[in-house]
């Protein structure tokens, strides 16, 4: 892939979109970790915490990009990403375990550690979408992570107002996952000779993730409705 070509910018947009979809939880964690701080110190905690998170995320993703050159890891990473795509739709999220800190550096530490712990899905997805292009990884994360932090409230509101955005995000992730699997060196001869099978696999993975994720989300919401009704009686 040539630097700053059309394919480069398409992949860059893909990386930014994936990170925005997956990083909503991380943005909530950052807000919760800093909520007890005074307003003036809050900004510093978010700034320093974000800087640390970005640096760690770039290092981790570059390591994963390098690791994906090892045989079978593209297939394994793709399989993991299919599950992550499913979780985007199925997981309702629970952040009650995140402790708010009342001083600057403990809050910064909480932000960095929480982001690292929750950022594995982002790392695998971005590494896959970058097609092993290191410059894409760095630029994509430098753009998307600060957007998530500073625009987290707006983005979370958008996801609430327009639930279909999460389905688009899951579809992009599922496409990236299936593409990673078809690019596994051990599978390349099989898919190169029969390109129709590559498109068929990608379509099946995307449709399965969207269908199963939708059913799981509806099941969770139905369970919550029954529980709330039972609690009122």
C-alpha atoms as a PDB file:
ATOM      1  CA  UNK A   1       0.000   0.000   0.000  1.00  0.00           C
ATOM      2  CA  UNK A   2       1.508   3.343  -1.095  1.00  0.00           C
ATOM      3  CA  UNK A   3       1.768   6.166   1.436  1.00  0.00           C
ATOM      4  CA  UNK A   4      -1.075   8.729   1.067  1.00  0.00           C
ATOM      5  CA  UNK A   5      -2.715   6.808  -1.793  1.00  0.00           C
ATOM      6  CA  UNK A   6      -6.509   6.358  -2.070  1.00  0.00           C
ATOM      7  CA  UNK A   7      -6.216   2.911  -0.429  1.00  0.00           C
ATOM      8  CA  UNK A   8      -4.145   4.467   2.382  1.00  0.00           C
ATOM      9  CA  UNK A   9      -6.824   7.072   3.181  1.00  0.00           C
ATOM     10  CA  UNK A  10      -9.648   4.503   2.980  1.00  0.00           C
ATOM     11  CA  UNK A  11      -7.787   2.314   5.488  1.00  0.00           C
ATOM     12  CA  UNK A  12      -7.111   5.373   7.690  1.00  0.00           C
ATOM     13  CA  UNK A  13     -10.834   6.252   7.777  1.00  0.00           C
ATOM     14  CA  UNK A  14     -11.576   2.604   8.577  1.00  0.00           C
ATOM     15  CA  UNK A  15      -9.120   2.647  11.516  1.00  0.00           C
ATOM     16  CA  UNK A  16     -10.544   5.894  12.929  1.00  0.00           C
ATOM     17  CA  UNK A  17     -14.128   4.613  12.639  1.00  0.00           C
ATOM     18  CA  UNK A  18     -13.256   1.281  14.285  1.00  0.00           C
ATOM     19  CA  UNK A  19     -11.504   3.027  17.162  1.00  0.00           C
ATOM     20  CA  UNK A  20     -14.435   5.417  17.666  1.00  0.00           C
ATOM     21  CA  UNK A  21     -16.898   2.515  17.787  1.00  0.00           C
ATOM     22  CA  UNK A  22     -14.789   0.441  20.180  1.00  0.00           C
ATOM     23  CA  UNK A  23     -13.543   3.233  22.436  1.00  0.00           C
ATOM     24  CA  UNK A  24     -16.891   4.421  23.823  1.00  0.00           C
ATOM     25  CA  UNK A  25     -16.354   2.269  26.923  1.00  0.00           C
ATOM     26  CA  UNK A  26     -12.854   3.675  27.391  1.00  0.00           C
ATOM     27  CA  UNK A  27     -14.207   7.233  27.224  1.00  0.00           C
ATOM     28  CA  UNK A  28     -16.732   6.422  29.969  1.00  0.00           C
ATOM     29  CA  UNK A  29     -13.927   4.978  32.117  1.00  0.00           C
ATOM     30  CA  UNK A  30     -11.853   8.141  31.673  1.00  0.00           C
ATOM     31  CA  UNK A  31     -14.799  10.301  32.725  1.00  0.00           C
ATOM     32  CA  UNK A  32     -15.537   8.141  35.767  1.00  0.00           C
ATOM     33  CA  UNK A  33     -11.893   8.051  36.899  1.00  0.00           C
ATOM     34  CA  UNK A  34     -11.662  11.852  36.886  1.00  0.00           C
ATOM     35  CA  UNK A  35     -15.154  12.806  38.086  1.00  0.00           C
ATOM     36  CA  UNK A  36     -14.173  13.525  41.732  1.00  0.00           C
ATOM     37  CA  UNK A  37     -11.375  15.912  40.777  1.00  0.00           C
ATOM     38  CA  UNK A  38     -11.808  19.714  40.779  1.00  0.00           C
ATOM     39  CA  UNK A  39     -12.635  21.115  37.324  1.00  0.00           C
ATOM     40  CA  UNK A  40      -9.169  22.616  36.785  1.00  0.00           C
ATOM     41  CA  UNK A  41      -7.380  19.392  37.767  1.00  0.00           C
ATOM     42  CA  UNK A  42      -9.884  17.277  35.806  1.00  0.00           C
ATOM     43  CA  UNK A  43      -8.617  18.692  32.511  1.00  0.00           C
ATOM     44  CA  UNK A  44      -5.009  17.898  33.449  1.00  0.00           C
ATOM     45  CA  UNK A  45      -5.909  14.337  34.487  1.00  0.00           C
ATOM     46  CA  UNK A  46      -7.745  13.710  31.214  1.00  0.00           C
ATOM     47  CA  UNK A  47      -4.904  15.279  29.176  1.00  0.00           C
ATOM     48  CA  UNK A  48      -2.089  13.353  30.904  1.00  0.00           C
ATOM     49  CA  UNK A  49      -4.120  10.146  31.082  1.00  0.00           C
ATOM     50  CA  UNK A  50      -4.971  10.380  27.386  1.00  0.00           C
ATOM     51  CA  UNK A  51      -1.331  11.040  26.435  1.00  0.00           C
ATOM     52  CA  UNK A  52      -0.236   7.958  28.374  1.00  0.00           C
ATOM     53  CA  UNK A  53      -3.056   5.874  26.897  1.00  0.00           C
ATOM     54  CA  UNK A  54      -2.207   6.968  23.319  1.00  0.00           C
ATOM     55  CA  UNK A  55       1.490   6.104  23.748  1.00  0.00           C
ATOM     56  CA  UNK A  56       0.703   2.677  25.245  1.00  0.00           C
ATOM     57  CA  UNK A  57      -1.933   1.995  22.561  1.00  0.00           C
ATOM     58  CA  UNK A  58       0.488   2.847  19.724  1.00  0.00           C
ATOM     59  CA  UNK A  59       3.242   0.629  21.189  1.00  0.00           C
ATOM     60  CA  UNK A  60       0.825  -2.273  21.785  1.00  0.00           C
ATOM     61  CA  UNK A  61      -0.688  -2.017  18.290  1.00  0.00           C
ATOM     62  CA  UNK A  62       2.708  -1.876  16.584  1.00  0.00           C
ATOM     63  CA  UNK A  63       3.711  -5.022  18.497  1.00  0.00           C
ATOM     64  CA  UNK A  64       0.491  -6.769  17.377  1.00  0.00           C
ATOM     65  CA  UNK A  65       1.072  -5.628  13.745  1.00  0.00           C
ATOM     66  CA  UNK A  66       4.515  -7.234  13.912  1.00  0.00           C
ATOM     67  CA  UNK A  67       3.126 -10.387  15.566  1.00  0.00           C
ATOM     68  CA  UNK A  68       0.513 -10.777  12.798  1.00  0.00           C
ATOM     69  CA  UNK A  69       3.363 -11.703  10.447  1.00  0.00           C
ATOM     70  CA  UNK A  70       3.768 -14.950  12.435  1.00  0.00           C
ATOM     71  CA  UNK A  71       1.970 -17.903  10.764  1.00  0.00           C
ATOM     72  CA  UNK A  72      -1.635 -18.525  11.878  1.00  0.00           C
ATOM     73  CA  UNK A  73      -1.846 -15.321  13.954  1.00  0.00           C
ATOM     74  CA  UNK A  74      -3.834 -13.529  11.244  1.00  0.00           C
ATOM     75  CA  UNK A  75      -6.427 -16.309  11.444  1.00  0.00           C
ATOM     76  CA  UNK A  76      -6.416 -16.269  15.267  1.00  0.00           C
ATOM     77  CA  UNK A  77      -6.642 -12.450  15.347  1.00  0.00           C
ATOM     78  CA  UNK A  78      -9.507 -12.564  12.838  1.00  0.00           C
ATOM     79  CA  UNK A  79     -11.391 -15.099  14.960  1.00  0.00           C
ATOM     80  CA  UNK A  80     -10.906 -12.917  18.065  1.00  0.00           C
ATOM     81  CA  UNK A  81     -12.117  -9.893  16.137  1.00  0.00           C
ATOM     82  CA  UNK A  82     -15.310 -11.718  15.106  1.00  0.00           C
ATOM     83  CA  UNK A  83     -16.101 -12.150  18.807  1.00  0.00           C
ATOM     84  CA  UNK A  84     -15.272  -8.470  19.453  1.00  0.00           C
ATOM     85  CA  UNK A  85     -17.630  -7.436  16.625  1.00  0.00           C
ATOM     86  CA  UNK A  86     -20.368  -9.542  18.231  1.00  0.00           C
ATOM     87  CA  UNK A  87     -19.679  -7.928  21.637  1.00  0.00           C
ATOM     88  CA  UNK A  88     -20.139  -4.437  20.129  1.00  0.00           C
ATOM     89  CA  UNK A  89     -23.817  -5.315  19.679  1.00  0.00           C
ATOM     90  CA  UNK A  90     -24.400  -7.771  22.516  1.00  0.00           C
ATOM     91  CA  UNK A  91     -22.544  -6.135  25.415  1.00  0.00           C
ATOM     92  CA  UNK A  92     -24.536  -3.531  27.334  1.00  0.00           C
ATOM     93  CA  UNK A  93     -21.482  -2.535  29.381  1.00  0.00           C
ATOM     94  CA  UNK A  94     -20.997  -2.153  33.152  1.00  0.00           C
ATOM     95  CA  UNK A  95     -18.487   0.287  34.594  1.00  0.00           C
ATOM     96  CA  UNK A  96     -19.492   0.367  38.260  1.00  0.00           C
ATOM     97  CA  UNK A  97     -16.184  -1.228  39.250  1.00  0.00           C
ATOM     98  CA  UNK A  98     -14.140   1.822  38.163  1.00  0.00           C
ATOM     99  CA  UNK A  99     -13.146   3.926  41.164  1.00  0.00           C
ATOM    100  CA  UNK A 100     -13.124   7.706  40.891  1.00  0.00           C
ATOM    101  CA  UNK A 101      -9.902   9.218  42.266  1.00  0.00           C
ATOM    102  CA  UNK A 102      -9.699  12.449  44.241  1.00  0.00           C
ATOM    103  CA  UNK A 103      -6.136  13.482  43.317  1.00  0.00           C
ATOM    104  CA  UNK A 104      -4.363  14.049  39.985  1.00  0.00           C
ATOM    105  CA  UNK A 105      -1.760  11.281  39.582  1.00  0.00           C
ATOM    106  CA  UNK A 106      -3.862   8.418  40.971  1.00  0.00           C
ATOM    107  CA  UNK A 107      -6.594   9.467  38.493  1.00  0.00           C
ATOM    108  CA  UNK A 108      -4.057   9.554  35.635  1.00  0.00           C
ATOM    109  CA  UNK A 109      -2.804   6.097  36.656  1.00  0.00           C
ATOM    110  CA  UNK A 110      -6.375   4.745  36.746  1.00  0.00           C
ATOM    111  CA  UNK A 111      -7.086   6.170  33.278  1.00  0.00           C
ATOM    112  CA  UNK A 112      -3.939   4.650  31.736  1.00  0.00           C
ATOM    113  CA  UNK A 113      -4.360   1.226  33.403  1.00  0.00           C
ATOM    114  CA  UNK A 114      -8.092   1.023  32.615  1.00  0.00           C
ATOM    115  CA  UNK A 115      -7.523   2.031  29.002  1.00  0.00           C
ATOM    116  CA  UNK A 116      -4.760  -0.572  28.633  1.00  0.00           C
ATOM    117  CA  UNK A 117      -6.937  -3.285  30.182  1.00  0.00           C
ATOM    118  CA  UNK A 118      -9.963  -2.423  28.031  1.00  0.00           C
ATOM    119  CA  UNK A 119      -8.010  -1.582  24.869  1.00  0.00           C
ATOM    120  CA  UNK A 120      -7.166  -5.096  23.630  1.00  0.00           C
ATOM    121  CA  UNK A 121     -10.142  -5.116  21.269  1.00  0.00           C
ATOM    122  CA  UNK A 122      -9.053  -1.766  19.794  1.00  0.00           C
ATOM    123  CA  UNK A 123      -5.477  -2.985  19.367  1.00  0.00           C
ATOM    124  CA  UNK A 124      -6.465  -6.177  17.500  1.00  0.00           C
ATOM    125  CA  UNK A 125      -9.012  -4.367  15.303  1.00  0.00           C
ATOM    126  CA  UNK A 126      -6.683  -1.493  14.360  1.00  0.00           C
ATOM    127  CA  UNK A 127      -3.789  -3.875  13.696  1.00  0.00           C
ATOM    128  CA  UNK A 128      -6.017  -5.890  11.340  1.00  0.00           C
ATOM    129  CA  UNK A 129      -7.446  -2.849   9.557  1.00  0.00           C
ATOM    130  CA  UNK A 130      -3.973  -1.349   9.025  1.00  0.00           C
ATOM    131  CA  UNK A 131      -2.931  -4.297   6.803  1.00  0.00           C
ATOM    132  CA  UNK A 132       0.451  -4.300   8.606  1.00  0.00           C
ATOM    133  CA  UNK A 133       1.138  -0.637   7.718  1.00  0.00           C
ATOM    134  CA  UNK A 134       2.936   0.973  10.692  1.00  0.00           C
ATOM    135  CA  UNK A 135       2.391   4.600   9.610  1.00  0.00           C
ATOM    136  CA  UNK A 136      -1.367   3.969   9.353  1.00  0.00           C
ATOM    137  CA  UNK A 137      -1.448   2.667  12.929  1.00  0.00           C
ATOM    138  CA  UNK A 138       0.290   5.731  14.374  1.00  0.00           C
ATOM    139  CA  UNK A 139      -1.709   8.326  12.378  1.00  0.00           C
ATOM    140  CA  UNK A 140      -5.034   6.556  12.966  1.00  0.00           C
ATOM    141  CA  UNK A 141      -4.563   6.330  16.736  1.00  0.00           C
ATOM    142  CA  UNK A 142      -3.189   9.864  17.063  1.00  0.00           C
ATOM    143  CA  UNK A 143      -6.375  11.134  15.402  1.00  0.00           C
ATOM    144  CA  UNK A 144      -8.999   8.830  16.920  1.00  0.00           C
ATOM    145  CA  UNK A 145      -8.013   8.495  20.599  1.00  0.00           C
ATOM    146  CA  UNK A 146      -8.074  12.256  21.361  1.00  0.00           C
ATOM    147  CA  UNK A 147     -11.403  12.527  19.473  1.00  0.00           C
ATOM    148  CA  UNK A 148     -12.837   9.800  21.698  1.00  0.00           C
ATOM    149  CA  UNK A 149     -11.652  11.501  24.890  1.00  0.00           C
ATOM    150  CA  UNK A 150     -12.681  15.066  24.100  1.00  0.00           C
ATOM    151  CA  UNK A 151     -15.799  14.134  22.148  1.00  0.00           C
ATOM    152  CA  UNK A 152     -16.864  11.179  24.264  1.00  0.00           C
ATOM    153  CA  UNK A 153     -20.068  12.764  25.546  1.00  0.00           C
ATOM    154  CA  UNK A 154     -21.184  13.730  22.040  1.00  0.00           C
ATOM    155  CA  UNK A 155     -20.299  10.333  20.569  1.00  0.00           C
ATOM    156  CA  UNK A 156     -22.105   8.423  23.320  1.00  0.00           C
ATOM    157  CA  UNK A 157     -25.185  10.630  22.748  1.00  0.00           C
ATOM    158  CA  UNK A 158     -25.001   9.894  19.018  1.00  0.00           C
ATOM    159  CA  UNK A 159     -24.895   6.145  19.699  1.00  0.00           C
ATOM    160  CA  UNK A 160     -27.934   6.528  21.972  1.00  0.00           C
ATOM    161  CA  UNK A 161     -29.882   8.600  19.441  1.00  0.00           C
ATOM    162  CA  UNK A 162     -28.850   6.510  16.436  1.00  0.00           C
ATOM    163  CA  UNK A 163     -28.436   2.859  17.546  1.00  0.00           C
ATOM    164  CA  UNK A 164     -27.792   1.825  13.928  1.00  0.00           C
ATOM    165  CA  UNK A 165     -24.268   3.305  14.228  1.00  0.00           C
ATOM    166  CA  UNK A 166     -23.260   0.352  16.414  1.00  0.00           C
ATOM    167  CA  UNK A 167     -24.501  -2.027  13.688  1.00  0.00           C
ATOM    168  CA  UNK A 168     -22.387  -0.226  11.083  1.00  0.00           C
ATOM    169  CA  UNK A 169     -19.409  -0.478  13.424  1.00  0.00           C
ATOM    170  CA  UNK A 170     -19.989  -4.192  14.027  1.00  0.00           C
ATOM    171  CA  UNK A 171     -20.271  -4.761  10.258  1.00  0.00           C
ATOM    172  CA  UNK A 172     -16.944  -2.962   9.649  1.00  0.00           C
ATOM    173  CA  UNK A 173     -15.297  -5.049  12.371  1.00  0.00           C
ATOM    174  CA  UNK A 174     -16.764  -8.275  10.987  1.00  0.00           C
ATOM    175  CA  UNK A 175     -15.517  -7.356   7.494  1.00  0.00           C
ATOM    176  CA  UNK A 176     -12.028  -6.633   8.876  1.00  0.00           C
ATOM    177  CA  UNK A 177     -12.043  -9.942  10.792  1.00  0.00           C
ATOM    178  CA  UNK A 178     -13.082 -12.003   7.765  1.00  0.00           C
ATOM    179  CA  UNK A 179     -10.551 -10.172   5.577  1.00  0.00           C
ATOM    180  CA  UNK A 180      -7.778 -10.986   8.106  1.00  0.00           C
ATOM    181  CA  UNK A 181      -8.712 -14.679   7.997  1.00  0.00           C
ATOM    182  CA  UNK A 182      -8.679 -14.766   4.171  1.00  0.00           C
ATOM    183  CA  UNK A 183      -5.245 -13.067   4.185  1.00  0.00           C
ATOM    184  CA  UNK A 184      -3.747 -15.777   6.423  1.00  0.00           C
ATOM    185  CA  UNK A 185      -0.775 -17.144   4.374  1.00  0.00           C
ATOM    186  CA  UNK A 186      -1.918 -20.750   4.913  1.00  0.00           C
ATOM    187  CA  UNK A 187      -5.335 -19.914   3.385  1.00  0.00           C
ATOM    188  CA  UNK A 188      -4.143 -17.590   0.588  1.00  0.00           C
ATOM    189  CA  UNK A 189      -3.790 -20.261  -2.146  1.00  0.00           C
ATOM    190  CA  UNK A 190      -7.329 -21.467  -1.424  1.00  0.00           C
ATOM    191  CA  UNK A 191      -8.935 -18.004  -1.554  1.00  0.00           C
ATOM    192  CA  UNK A 192      -6.772 -16.608  -4.374  1.00  0.00           C
ATOM    193  CA  UNK A 193      -7.893 -19.380  -6.715  1.00  0.00           C
ATOM    194  CA  UNK A 194     -11.549 -18.967  -5.722  1.00  0.00           C
ATOM    195  CA  UNK A 195     -12.260 -15.256  -5.011  1.00  0.00           C
ATOM    196  CA  UNK A 196     -16.004 -15.963  -4.847  1.00  0.00           C
ATOM    197  CA  UNK A 197     -15.341 -18.009  -1.687  1.00  0.00           C
ATOM    198  CA  UNK A 198     -13.561 -15.025  -0.087  1.00  0.00           C
ATOM    199  CA  UNK A 199     -16.581 -12.777  -0.703  1.00  0.00           C
ATOM    200  CA  UNK A 200     -18.932 -15.527   0.462  1.00  0.00           C
ATOM    201  CA  UNK A 201     -17.002 -15.996   3.731  1.00  0.00           C
ATOM    202  CA  UNK A 202     -16.942 -12.238   4.373  1.00  0.00           C
ATOM    203  CA  UNK A 203     -20.704 -11.991   3.719  1.00  0.00           C
ATOM    204  CA  UNK A 204     -21.475 -14.975   6.003  1.00  0.00           C
ATOM    205  CA  UNK A 205     -19.324 -13.578   8.848  1.00  0.00           C
ATOM    206  CA  UNK A 206     -20.898 -10.108   8.595  1.00  0.00           C
ATOM    207  CA  UNK A 207     -24.468 -11.467   8.438  1.00  0.00           C
ATOM    208  CA  UNK A 208     -23.866 -13.890  11.331  1.00  0.00           C
ATOM    209  CA  UNK A 209     -22.360 -11.213  13.595  1.00  0.00           C
ATOM    210  CA  UNK A 210     -25.198  -8.769  12.914  1.00  0.00           C
ATOM    211  CA  UNK A 211     -27.941 -11.389  13.371  1.00  0.00           C
ATOM    212  CA  UNK A 212     -26.509 -12.977  16.537  1.00  0.00           C
ATOM    213  CA  UNK A 213     -25.626  -9.589  18.030  1.00  0.00           C
ATOM    214  CA  UNK A 214     -29.140  -8.268  17.373  1.00  0.00           C
ATOM    215  CA  UNK A 215     -30.749 -11.350  18.935  1.00  0.00           C
ATOM    216  CA  UNK A 216     -28.513 -11.185  22.010  1.00  0.00           C
ATOM    217  CA  UNK A 217     -29.154  -7.459  22.498  1.00  0.00           C
ATOM    218  CA  UNK A 218     -32.924  -8.000  22.226  1.00  0.00           C
ATOM    219  CA  UNK A 219     -32.710 -10.902  24.689  1.00  0.00           C
ATOM    220  CA  UNK A 220     -30.807  -8.769  27.231  1.00  0.00           C
ATOM    221  CA  UNK A 221     -33.303  -5.908  26.918  1.00  0.00           C
ATOM    222  CA  UNK A 222     -36.282  -8.261  27.280  1.00  0.00           C
ATOM    223  CA  UNK A 223     -34.720  -9.751  30.435  1.00  0.00           C
ATOM    224  CA  UNK A 224     -34.186  -6.272  31.901  1.00  0.00           C
ATOM    225  CA  UNK A 225     -37.799  -5.322  31.155  1.00  0.00           C
ATOM    226  CA  UNK A 226     -39.109  -8.444  32.920  1.00  0.00           C
ATOM    227  CA  UNK A 227     -36.860  -7.764  35.922  1.00  0.00           C
ATOM    228  CA  UNK A 228     -37.994  -4.133  36.204  1.00  0.00           C
ATOM    229  CA  UNK A 229     -41.653  -5.197  35.960  1.00  0.00           C
ATOM    230  CA  UNK A 230     -41.142  -7.858  38.613  1.00  0.00           C
ATOM    231  CA  UNK A 231     -39.453  -5.304  40.895  1.00  0.00           C
ATOM    232  CA  UNK A 232     -42.441  -2.927  40.672  1.00  0.00           C
ATOM    233  CA  UNK A 233     -44.918  -5.648  41.721  1.00  0.00           C
END
